[in-house]
Amino acid sequence: MPIGSSSNENSESDRPDSEALSLPSFVAGSGTLDRLVDTARDYARAAASDNTLKAYAKDWAHFARWCRMKGTEPLPPSPEMIGLYLADLASGSGPSPARSVSTIDRRLSGLAWNYAQRGFALDRKNRHIATVLAGIKRKHARPPVQKEAILAENILAMVATLPYDLRGLRDRAILLVGYTGGLRRSEIVSLDVHKDDTPDSGGWIEILEKGALLTLNAKTGWREVEIGRGSSDQTCPVRALEQWLHFAKIDFGPVFVGTSRDGKRASETRLNDKHVARLIKRTVLDAGIRSELPEKERLALFSGHSLRAGLASSAEVDERYVQKQLGHASAEMTRRYQRRRDRFRVNLTKAAGL
């Protein structure tokens, strides 16, 4: 996948991993070796998600364009120039607005990844980079702007707005499974019915007597997510999933697919994760959630992450179970998703005898 947005950025040294991988110059090519090069390139493309690769591509294109506007080249990496680039991003000099600390951090990660694919090592601890970034964080860092959690009463109101046609059954299953599983929107749409149904699968489902078991190929490796059956058929995520699969006649391939124009037949095309974001925003509006706010503000409050934050905030269980369901490596990350919790449940002041 070429990185860059202009013809000037398509030189051999600008190409990322999928193009840069090739045979050593001292090895004669052959049909077998050439096929292995193609296979290696396919694996290299699978090293990160499509969304991550797209973001890294934009990061590289932006930095390469900035370098050439300054009369220099992006290769080889120059810590001095990268430090100036970060300062430019933070200060918002020129026509571009100042970027947030999280965006600058992400841009730097994108550059490090791109350099690595081109055979260069970017030392983020170099003083020209590290001290500038530390100063940016000290001066401009703010608490992250969090999306609002979709709580239990919200998700019930949202699914109540959906009809019981084929699209409604699908979207109801998406919302309930995504909510109770604490899933990312990319994890929802990447599910297959069985293991190895499709090459682009991100996991599969197994429906059991007591619930559904999801096996996901997540950022941190394979993990299992258990979704138990609900207290009523109307709000049970497993029942919603069973109904969708039954009426859509899906027994192989992607779980969540598009439907025909008349809404009577399921297609074989996997949904894009943007469908989940649009679905959440549409049902939030239809359910009248936060209706005291203007529509634009209401739409900005909710996203795919609202489902994960909602589960973390609503589930009245030990924190470690929520952490496992969300697939977080630390309890601190889980707490970032909890919009409401008993922050003083453990009182260390009294525990210390004061």
Foldseek 3Di string as FASTA:
>chain_A
DAAADDPVQPDLLNGFQLSVQDDPPVDDDDPVVVVVNNVVSVVVVVPDDPVLVVLLSVLSRVLQVVQVVVVHGPPPPDLLVLLVVLVCLQVVPDPGRRDALVVSVSSVVSSQNRNVRSPHHDDCPPCSNVVSSVVSCVVHPDPDDAFAAQAPVNLLLLLVLADPFLVSLLLNLLLLCCQQLLDFLVLSLLEKCDPPLDPSHQWYWDADPFFIWIWGQDPVGIAITTQGADPDLSRGSRNSLVVNCVQQVDRTATSRAPADPVRRHGDRHTDDSVVNFVSVLVSCVVSCPVVVDPSVVSSVRDGSNSSSLRNLQHDPDPLVVSCRSNVHPDSVVSVVSHPDDDPVPPPVVVVVPD
